[in-house]
Amino acid sequence: MSNAPSRLSPGAPTLRPLGPESHAGADGTAGTDAITVLVVDDHPGFRRAIERALCRAPGLRLVGCARSGEEAIVMSARLEPRVVVMDLAMPGVSGVEATRRLMGLEVPPAVVALSGSRELMRDAIAAGACRALLKEGDLTELLTTIRLAAAR
């Protein structure tokens, strides 16, 4: 039985921090064929749960994690991820504002917005996010949504 949480809510203490071995999917995909993903969330447990799921998912490659909207903008410009998984409720630059700014990049990523608020999700779609999910959703649904966003 896996220790990985099946829900998006903050995970159990068995989650491990992002390490160098975490950058390839379960199939070892670390090349240009993998969908590159940047995760943005100010909650460490939630971020690690998503990191762990991404690192086990075939065809997905975690390229970085940001703790704020400001970091998301800087890291997206530098790393050019294909998909950004964006928490919407963060202090400072919100996920909605960060999404709006990401759309202005030379190579804008597909943004998958995560929130507990349907209103914020609507705002994120208006700002340019291509998909939005409730944080209470299933991790499998998130992985599927990331793949759909990358195919846009």
N, C-alpha and C. Protein backbone atom coordinates (compact mmCIF):
# COMPACT_ATOMS: atom_id res chain seq x y z
N MET A 1 0.85 -1.18 0.00
CA MET A 1 0.00 0.00 0.00
C MET A 1 0.89 1.24 0.00
N SER A 2 0.54 2.22 -0.77
CA SER A 2 1.34 3.44 -0.92
C SER A 2 1.13 4.38 0.25
N ASN A 3 2.16 5.13 0.60
CA ASN A 3 2.05 6.16 1.62
C ASN A 3 1.55 7.47 1.05
N ALA A 4 1.42 7.56 -0.27
CA ALA A 4 1.02 8.81 -0.92
C ALA A 4 -0.44 9.12 -0.62
N PRO A 5 -0.74 10.35 -0.25
CA PRO A 5 -2.13 10.71 -0.02
C PRO A 5 -2.89 10.71 -1.33
N SER A 6 -4.17 10.35 -1.25
CA SER A 6 -4.97 10.31 -2.47
C SER A 6 -5.75 11.60 -2.69
N ARG A 7 -5.71 12.49 -1.73
CA ARG A 7 -6.42 13.77 -1.83
C ARG A 7 -5.40 14.89 -1.95
N LEU A 8 -5.86 16.04 -2.40
CA LEU A 8 -4.98 17.19 -2.52
C LEU A 8 -4.70 17.87 -1.19
N SER A 9 -5.48 17.56 -0.16
CA SER A 9 -5.26 18.22 1.12
C SER A 9 -3.87 17.90 1.66
N PRO A 10 -3.34 18.75 2.54
CA PRO A 10 -1.98 18.54 3.04
C PRO A 10 -1.77 17.11 3.50
N GLY A 11 -0.61 16.57 3.15
CA GLY A 11 -0.35 15.16 3.32
C GLY A 11 0.18 14.75 4.68
N ALA A 12 0.41 13.47 4.79
CA ALA A 12 0.91 12.86 6.01
C ALA A 12 2.39 13.16 6.18
N PRO A 13 2.95 12.95 7.36
CA PRO A 13 4.36 13.24 7.59
C PRO A 13 5.31 12.34 6.82
N THR A 14 4.81 11.36 6.09
CA THR A 14 5.67 10.48 5.31
C THR A 14 6.17 11.16 4.04
N LEU A 15 5.67 12.33 3.73
CA LEU A 15 6.10 13.03 2.52
C LEU A 15 7.54 13.48 2.68
N ARG A 16 8.31 13.40 1.61
CA ARG A 16 9.70 13.81 1.66
C ARG A 16 9.88 15.11 0.90
N PRO A 17 10.86 15.91 1.29
CA PRO A 17 11.10 17.16 0.56
C PRO A 17 11.65 16.88 -0.83
N LEU A 18 11.52 17.86 -1.69
CA LEU A 18 12.02 17.76 -3.05
C LEU A 18 13.53 17.55 -3.02
N GLY A 19 14.00 16.58 -3.75
CA GLY A 19 15.43 16.31 -3.84
C GLY A 19 15.82 16.12 -5.29
N PRO A 20 17.12 15.96 -5.58
CA PRO A 20 17.57 15.85 -6.95
C PRO A 20 16.97 14.66 -7.69
N GLU A 21 16.67 13.57 -6.95
CA GLU A 21 16.10 12.40 -7.60
C GLU A 21 14.65 12.61 -7.99
N SER A 22 14.05 13.71 -7.57
CA SER A 22 12.64 13.96 -7.78
C SER A 22 12.29 14.58 -9.12
N HIS A 23 13.26 14.85 -9.93
CA HIS A 23 12.98 15.61 -11.14
C HIS A 23 12.53 14.77 -12.33
N ALA A 24 12.49 13.48 -12.21
CA ALA A 24 12.01 12.63 -13.29
C ALA A 24 10.71 11.98 -12.87
N GLY A 25 9.87 11.66 -13.84
CA GLY A 25 8.64 10.94 -13.57
C GLY A 25 8.95 9.49 -13.25
N ALA A 26 7.91 8.72 -12.93
CA ALA A 26 8.09 7.33 -12.55
C ALA A 26 8.71 6.51 -13.67
N ASP A 27 8.53 6.94 -14.90
CA ASP A 27 9.10 6.20 -16.03
C ASP A 27 10.52 6.65 -16.33
N GLY A 28 11.08 7.53 -15.46
CA GLY A 28 12.43 8.02 -15.68
C GLY A 28 12.50 9.14 -16.69
N THR A 29 11.35 9.60 -17.16
CA THR A 29 11.32 10.65 -18.16
C THR A 29 11.92 11.92 -17.60
N ALA A 30 13.04 12.32 -18.15
CA ALA A 30 13.66 13.57 -17.70
C ALA A 30 14.05 14.40 -18.90
N GLY A 31 13.72 13.96 -20.08
CA GLY A 31 14.10 14.65 -21.30
C GLY A 31 13.05 15.65 -21.74
N THR A 32 13.18 16.07 -22.97
CA THR A 32 12.31 17.10 -23.50
C THR A 32 10.91 16.60 -23.80
N ASP A 33 10.68 15.30 -23.81
CA ASP A 33 9.34 14.78 -24.08
C ASP A 33 8.42 14.91 -22.87
N ALA A 34 9.00 15.03 -21.69
CA ALA A 34 8.19 15.13 -20.48
C ALA A 34 7.53 16.49 -20.40
N ILE A 35 6.37 16.53 -19.78
CA ILE A 35 5.68 17.78 -19.52
C ILE A 35 6.33 18.39 -18.28
N THR A 36 6.93 19.56 -18.45
CA THR A 36 7.61 20.22 -17.33
C THR A 36 6.60 21.00 -16.50
N VAL A 37 6.73 20.88 -15.18
CA VAL A 37 5.74 21.45 -14.26
C VAL A 37 6.43 22.23 -13.15
N LEU A 38 5.92 23.41 -12.87
CA LEU A 38 6.32 24.21 -11.73
C LEU A 38 5.14 24.23 -10.76
N VAL A 39 5.38 23.94 -9.49
CA VAL A 39 4.34 23.93 -8.47
C VAL A 39 4.49 25.19 -7.62
N VAL A 40 3.38 25.89 -7.40
CA VAL A 40 3.38 27.12 -6.61
C VAL A 40 2.34 27.00 -5.50
N ASP A 41 2.81 26.99 -4.25
CA ASP A 41 1.90 26.94 -3.11
C ASP A 41 2.67 27.38 -1.88
N ASP A 42 2.06 28.18 -1.04
CA ASP A 42 2.73 28.66 0.16
C ASP A 42 2.67 27.67 1.32
N HIS A 43 1.91 26.61 1.19
CA HIS A 43 1.79 25.62 2.25
C HIS A 43 2.75 24.45 1.97
N PRO A 44 3.78 24.26 2.81
CA PRO A 44 4.81 23.24 2.54
C PRO A 44 4.26 21.82 2.41
N GLY A 45 3.34 21.43 3.26
CA GLY A 45 2.79 20.07 3.20
C GLY A 45 2.02 19.83 1.92
N PHE A 46 1.25 20.81 1.53
CA PHE A 46 0.47 20.69 0.29
C PHE A 46 1.42 20.62 -0.90
N ARG A 47 2.43 21.47 -0.91
CA ARG A 47 3.41 21.50 -1.99
C ARG A 47 4.11 20.14 -2.11
N ARG A 48 4.52 19.58 -0.98
CA ARG A 48 5.22 18.29 -1.00
C ARG A 48 4.31 17.16 -1.50
N ALA A 49 3.03 17.21 -1.15
CA ALA A 49 2.10 16.18 -1.63
C ALA A 49 2.02 16.21 -3.16
N ILE A 50 1.96 17.40 -3.73
CA ILE A 50 1.92 17.52 -5.19
C ILE A 50 3.25 17.10 -5.79
N GLU A 51 4.36 17.52 -5.17
CA GLU A 51 5.69 17.13 -5.65
C GLU A 51 5.80 15.61 -5.74
N ARG A 52 5.40 14.95 -4.67
CA ARG A 52 5.50 13.49 -4.62
C ARG A 52 4.67 12.84 -5.72
N ALA A 53 3.46 13.31 -5.92
CA ALA A 53 2.61 12.76 -6.98
C ALA A 53 3.24 12.98 -8.35
N LEU A 54 3.78 14.17 -8.58
CA LEU A 54 4.40 14.47 -9.87
C LEU A 54 5.63 13.60 -10.13
N CYS A 55 6.40 13.37 -9.10
CA CYS A 55 7.63 12.59 -9.26
C CYS A 55 7.34 11.12 -9.56
N ARG A 56 6.15 10.67 -9.26
CA ARG A 56 5.76 9.29 -9.54
C ARG A 56 4.96 9.16 -10.83
N ALA A 57 4.63 10.27 -11.45
CA ALA A 57 3.74 10.26 -12.62
C ALA A 57 4.54 10.14 -13.91
N PRO A 58 4.25 9.13 -14.71
CA PRO A 58 4.94 8.99 -16.00
C PRO A 58 4.69 10.20 -16.91
N GLY A 59 5.74 10.66 -17.56
CA GLY A 59 5.61 11.72 -18.54
C GLY A 59 5.56 13.13 -17.98
N LEU A 60 5.66 13.26 -16.65
CA LEU A 60 5.66 14.58 -16.03
C LEU A 60 7.00 14.78 -15.35
N ARG A 61 7.53 16.01 -15.43
CA ARG A 61 8.82 16.31 -14.81
C ARG A 61 8.71 17.60 -14.01
N LEU A 62 8.90 17.48 -12.71
CA LEU A 62 8.89 18.63 -11.82
C LEU A 62 10.18 19.41 -12.02
N VAL A 63 10.05 20.69 -12.41
CA VAL A 63 11.25 21.51 -12.64
C VAL A 63 11.51 22.49 -11.52
N GLY A 64 10.53 22.68 -10.63
CA GLY A 64 10.75 23.59 -9.53
C GLY A 64 9.50 23.78 -8.69
N CYS A 65 9.71 24.40 -7.54
CA CYS A 65 8.62 24.71 -6.62
C CYS A 65 8.81 26.13 -6.12
N ALA A 66 7.74 26.88 -6.11
CA ALA A 66 7.75 28.25 -5.62
C ALA A 66 6.81 28.37 -4.44
N ARG A 67 7.15 29.27 -3.51
CA ARG A 67 6.34 29.47 -2.32
C ARG A 67 5.47 30.71 -2.39
N SER A 68 5.59 31.46 -3.49
CA SER A 68 4.83 32.71 -3.59
C SER A 68 4.58 33.06 -5.05
N GLY A 69 3.67 34.00 -5.25
CA GLY A 69 3.42 34.49 -6.60
C GLY A 69 4.64 35.14 -7.20
N GLU A 70 5.39 35.89 -6.37
CA GLU A 70 6.61 36.53 -6.84
C GLU A 70 7.61 35.50 -7.36
N GLU A 71 7.84 34.45 -6.57
CA GLU A 71 8.75 33.38 -6.99
C GLU A 71 8.25 32.69 -8.24
N ALA A 72 6.95 32.51 -8.36
CA ALA A 72 6.38 31.84 -9.53
C ALA A 72 6.71 32.59 -10.80
N ILE A 73 6.62 33.90 -10.75
CA ILE A 73 6.88 34.73 -11.94
C ILE A 73 8.35 34.63 -12.33
N VAL A 74 9.24 34.77 -11.36
CA VAL A 74 10.68 34.71 -11.63
C VAL A 74 11.07 33.33 -12.15
N MET A 75 10.61 32.28 -11.46
CA MET A 75 10.98 30.92 -11.84
C MET A 75 10.39 30.53 -13.20
N SER A 76 9.18 30.97 -13.48
CA SER A 76 8.57 30.66 -14.79
C SER A 76 9.34 31.30 -15.93
N ALA A 77 9.77 32.53 -15.73
CA ALA A 77 10.55 33.21 -16.78
C ALA A 77 11.88 32.50 -17.01
N ARG A 78 12.49 31.99 -15.94
CA ARG A 78 13.79 31.33 -16.06
C ARG A 78 13.68 29.89 -16.53
N LEU A 79 12.72 29.13 -16.00
CA LEU A 79 12.62 27.69 -16.28
C LEU A 79 11.72 27.34 -17.46
N GLU A 80 10.83 28.24 -17.83
CA GLU A 80 9.86 28.03 -18.91
C GLU A 80 9.13 26.69 -18.79
N PRO A 81 8.45 26.46 -17.65
CA PRO A 81 7.67 25.22 -17.52
C PRO A 81 6.50 25.23 -18.50
N ARG A 82 6.11 24.06 -18.92
CA ARG A 82 4.96 23.97 -19.82
C ARG A 82 3.66 24.20 -19.04
N VAL A 83 3.65 23.76 -17.77
CA VAL A 83 2.47 23.91 -16.92
C VAL A 83 2.89 24.45 -15.56
N VAL A 84 2.11 25.39 -15.03
CA VAL A 84 2.29 25.88 -13.66
C VAL A 84 1.04 25.49 -12.89
N VAL A 85 1.24 24.78 -11.77
CA VAL A 85 0.14 24.45 -10.86
C VAL A 85 0.16 25.55 -9.81
N MET A 86 -0.87 26.39 -9.80
CA MET A 86 -0.86 27.64 -9.04
C MET A 86 -1.92 27.68 -7.94
N ASP A 87 -1.46 27.77 -6.69
CA ASP A 87 -2.36 28.07 -5.58
C ASP A 87 -2.83 29.51 -5.78
N LEU A 88 -4.08 29.78 -5.51
CA LEU A 88 -4.59 31.12 -5.77
C LEU A 88 -4.56 32.03 -4.55
N ALA A 89 -4.66 31.46 -3.35
CA ALA A 89 -4.70 32.27 -2.13
C ALA A 89 -3.33 32.24 -1.46
N MET A 90 -2.51 33.21 -1.80
CA MET A 90 -1.18 33.34 -1.20
C MET A 90 -0.97 34.79 -0.79
N PRO A 91 -0.17 35.01 0.25
CA PRO A 91 0.14 36.39 0.64
C PRO A 91 1.01 37.06 -0.42
N GLY A 92 1.03 38.38 -0.40
CA GLY A 92 1.81 39.11 -1.41
C GLY A 92 1.09 39.06 -2.74
N VAL A 93 1.83 38.74 -3.79
CA VAL A 93 1.23 38.61 -5.12
C VAL A 93 0.38 37.34 -5.11
N SER A 94 -0.91 37.51 -5.29
CA SER A 94 -1.81 36.35 -5.25
C SER A 94 -1.60 35.46 -6.47
N GLY A 95 -2.13 34.26 -6.40
CA GLY A 95 -2.06 33.35 -7.53
C GLY A 95 -2.80 33.89 -8.75
N VAL A 96 -3.86 34.64 -8.53
CA VAL A 96 -4.60 35.24 -9.65
C VAL A 96 -3.73 36.29 -10.34
N GLU A 97 -3.10 37.16 -9.55
CA GLU A 97 -2.24 38.19 -10.15
C GLU A 97 -1.01 37.56 -10.79
N ALA A 98 -0.43 36.55 -10.16
CA ALA A 98 0.72 35.86 -10.75
C ALA A 98 0.33 35.23 -12.08
N THR A 99 -0.85 34.64 -12.15
CA THR A 99 -1.33 34.06 -13.41
C THR A 99 -1.43 35.13 -14.49
N ARG A 100 -2.00 36.27 -14.14
CA ARG A 100 -2.13 37.39 -15.09
C ARG A 100 -0.74 37.78 -15.63
N ARG A 101 0.24 37.87 -14.74
CA ARG A 101 1.59 38.26 -15.15
C ARG A 101 2.27 37.17 -15.98
N LEU A 102 2.01 35.91 -15.67
CA LEU A 102 2.60 34.82 -16.46
C LEU A 102 2.11 34.85 -17.90
N MET A 103 0.90 35.30 -18.11
CA MET A 103 0.36 35.36 -19.47
C MET A 103 1.12 36.38 -20.33
N GLY A 104 1.85 37.28 -19.69
CA GLY A 104 2.64 38.27 -20.42
C GLY A 104 4.05 37.79 -20.77
N LEU A 105 4.43 36.60 -20.33
CA LEU A 105 5.76 36.09 -20.66
C LEU A 105 5.86 35.76 -22.14
N GLU A 106 7.07 35.76 -22.66
CA GLU A 106 7.29 35.42 -24.07
C GLU A 106 6.75 34.04 -24.38
N VAL A 107 6.97 33.09 -23.48
CA VAL A 107 6.42 31.74 -23.61
C VAL A 107 5.55 31.50 -22.37
N PRO A 108 4.27 31.89 -22.42
CA PRO A 108 3.42 31.72 -21.23
C PRO A 108 3.10 30.25 -21.00
N PRO A 109 3.17 29.82 -19.75
CA PRO A 109 2.82 28.43 -19.44
C PRO A 109 1.31 28.26 -19.37
N ALA A 110 0.87 27.03 -19.46
CA ALA A 110 -0.53 26.72 -19.14
C ALA A 110 -0.62 26.74 -17.63
N VAL A 111 -1.61 27.40 -17.09
CA VAL A 111 -1.77 27.49 -15.64
C VAL A 111 -2.97 26.67 -15.21
N VAL A 112 -2.72 25.78 -14.23
CA VAL A 112 -3.78 25.03 -13.57
C VAL A 112 -3.94 25.66 -12.20
N ALA A 113 -5.07 26.29 -11.97
CA ALA A 113 -5.34 27.01 -10.73
C ALA A 113 -5.94 26.06 -9.70
N LEU A 114 -5.47 26.18 -8.45
CA LEU A 114 -6.00 25.39 -7.34
C LEU A 114 -6.50 26.32 -6.26
N SER A 115 -7.70 26.05 -5.77
CA SER A 115 -8.25 26.90 -4.72
C SER A 115 -9.40 26.19 -4.02
N GLY A 116 -9.73 26.70 -2.86
CA GLY A 116 -10.94 26.26 -2.16
C GLY A 116 -12.10 27.18 -2.47
N SER A 117 -11.84 28.22 -3.26
CA SER A 117 -12.85 29.23 -3.57
C SER A 117 -13.21 29.23 -5.05
N ARG A 118 -14.47 28.98 -5.33
CA ARG A 118 -14.92 29.01 -6.73
C ARG A 118 -14.79 30.42 -7.32
N GLU A 119 -14.97 31.44 -6.49
CA GLU A 119 -14.82 32.82 -6.97
C GLU A 119 -13.39 33.08 -7.44
N LEU A 120 -12.42 32.66 -6.63
CA LEU A 120 -11.02 32.82 -7.04
C LEU A 120 -10.72 32.01 -8.30
N MET A 121 -11.34 30.85 -8.43
CA MET A 121 -11.13 30.03 -9.63
C MET A 121 -11.64 30.77 -10.87
N ARG A 122 -12.80 31.40 -10.76
CA ARG A 122 -13.33 32.19 -11.88
C ARG A 122 -12.39 33.35 -12.21
N ASP A 123 -11.86 34.01 -11.18
CA ASP A 123 -10.91 35.11 -11.39
C ASP A 123 -9.65 34.62 -12.10
N ALA A 124 -9.18 33.44 -11.72
CA ALA A 124 -7.97 32.87 -12.34
C ALA A 124 -8.21 32.54 -13.81
N ILE A 125 -9.36 32.01 -14.13
CA ILE A 125 -9.69 31.72 -15.54
C ILE A 125 -9.73 33.03 -16.32
N ALA A 126 -10.32 34.06 -15.73
CA ALA A 126 -10.36 35.36 -16.40
C ALA A 126 -8.95 35.94 -16.58
N ALA A 127 -8.03 35.59 -15.67
CA ALA A 127 -6.64 36.09 -15.74
C ALA A 127 -5.79 35.29 -16.72
N GLY A 128 -6.32 34.14 -17.19
CA GLY A 128 -5.58 33.36 -18.19
C GLY A 128 -5.34 31.91 -17.86
N ALA A 129 -5.72 31.45 -16.65
CA ALA A 129 -5.57 30.02 -16.33
C ALA A 129 -6.42 29.21 -17.29
N CYS A 130 -5.90 28.08 -17.74
CA CYS A 130 -6.68 27.27 -18.69
C CYS A 130 -7.53 26.22 -17.98
N ARG A 131 -7.22 25.92 -16.74
CA ARG A 131 -7.97 24.94 -15.95
C ARG A 131 -8.00 25.39 -14.50
N ALA A 132 -9.01 24.94 -13.75
CA ALA A 132 -9.10 25.25 -12.33
C ALA A 132 -9.71 24.05 -11.61
N LEU A 133 -9.14 23.75 -10.45
CA LEU A 133 -9.61 22.63 -9.63
C LEU A 133 -9.75 23.07 -8.19
N LEU A 134 -10.70 22.45 -7.50
CA LEU A 134 -10.81 22.66 -6.07
C LEU A 134 -9.70 21.88 -5.38
N LYS A 135 -9.14 22.45 -4.33
CA LYS A 135 -8.06 21.79 -3.60
C LYS A 135 -8.52 20.49 -2.96
N GLU A 136 -9.78 20.33 -2.74
CA GLU A 136 -10.30 19.11 -2.12
C GLU A 136 -10.34 17.95 -3.11
N GLY A 137 -9.95 18.20 -4.35
CA GLY A 137 -10.00 17.17 -5.38
C GLY A 137 -8.99 16.06 -5.17
N ASP A 138 -8.99 15.13 -6.08
CA ASP A 138 -8.13 13.96 -6.03
C ASP A 138 -6.83 14.23 -6.78
N LEU A 139 -5.72 13.69 -6.28
CA LEU A 139 -4.43 13.88 -6.95
C LEU A 139 -4.42 13.32 -8.36
N THR A 140 -5.13 12.23 -8.58
CA THR A 140 -5.21 11.65 -9.93
C THR A 140 -5.87 12.65 -10.88
N GLU A 141 -6.89 13.33 -10.40
CA GLU A 141 -7.56 14.36 -11.20
C GLU A 141 -6.60 15.50 -11.53
N LEU A 142 -5.77 15.88 -10.57
CA LEU A 142 -4.78 16.93 -10.82
C LEU A 142 -3.80 16.51 -11.91
N LEU A 143 -3.29 15.29 -11.84
CA LEU A 143 -2.34 14.82 -12.85
C LEU A 143 -2.97 14.79 -14.23
N THR A 144 -4.21 14.34 -14.31
CA THR A 144 -4.93 14.34 -15.59
C THR A 144 -5.11 15.77 -16.10
N THR A 145 -5.44 16.68 -15.20
CA THR A 145 -5.65 18.09 -15.58
C THR A 145 -4.36 18.72 -16.07
N ILE A 146 -3.24 18.38 -15.46
CA ILE A 146 -1.95 18.89 -15.91
C ILE A 146 -1.70 18.43 -17.34
N ARG A 147 -1.97 17.17 -17.64
CA ARG A 147 -1.77 16.65 -19.00
C ARG A 147 -2.70 17.35 -20.01
N LEU A 148 -3.94 17.58 -19.60
CA LEU A 148 -4.89 18.27 -20.49
C LEU A 148 -4.45 19.71 -20.72
N ALA A 149 -3.95 20.37 -19.68
CA ALA A 149 -3.50 21.75 -19.81
C ALA A 149 -2.31 21.82 -20.77
N ALA A 150 -1.41 20.86 -20.67
CA ALA A 150 -0.22 20.85 -21.54
C ALA A 150 -0.59 20.64 -22.99
N ALA A 151 -1.71 20.00 -23.23
CA ALA A 151 -2.14 19.71 -24.61
C ALA A 151 -2.93 20.84 -25.24
N ARG A 152 -3.13 21.92 -24.52
CA ARG A 152 -3.94 23.04 -25.04
C ARG A 152 -3.37 23.63 -26.31
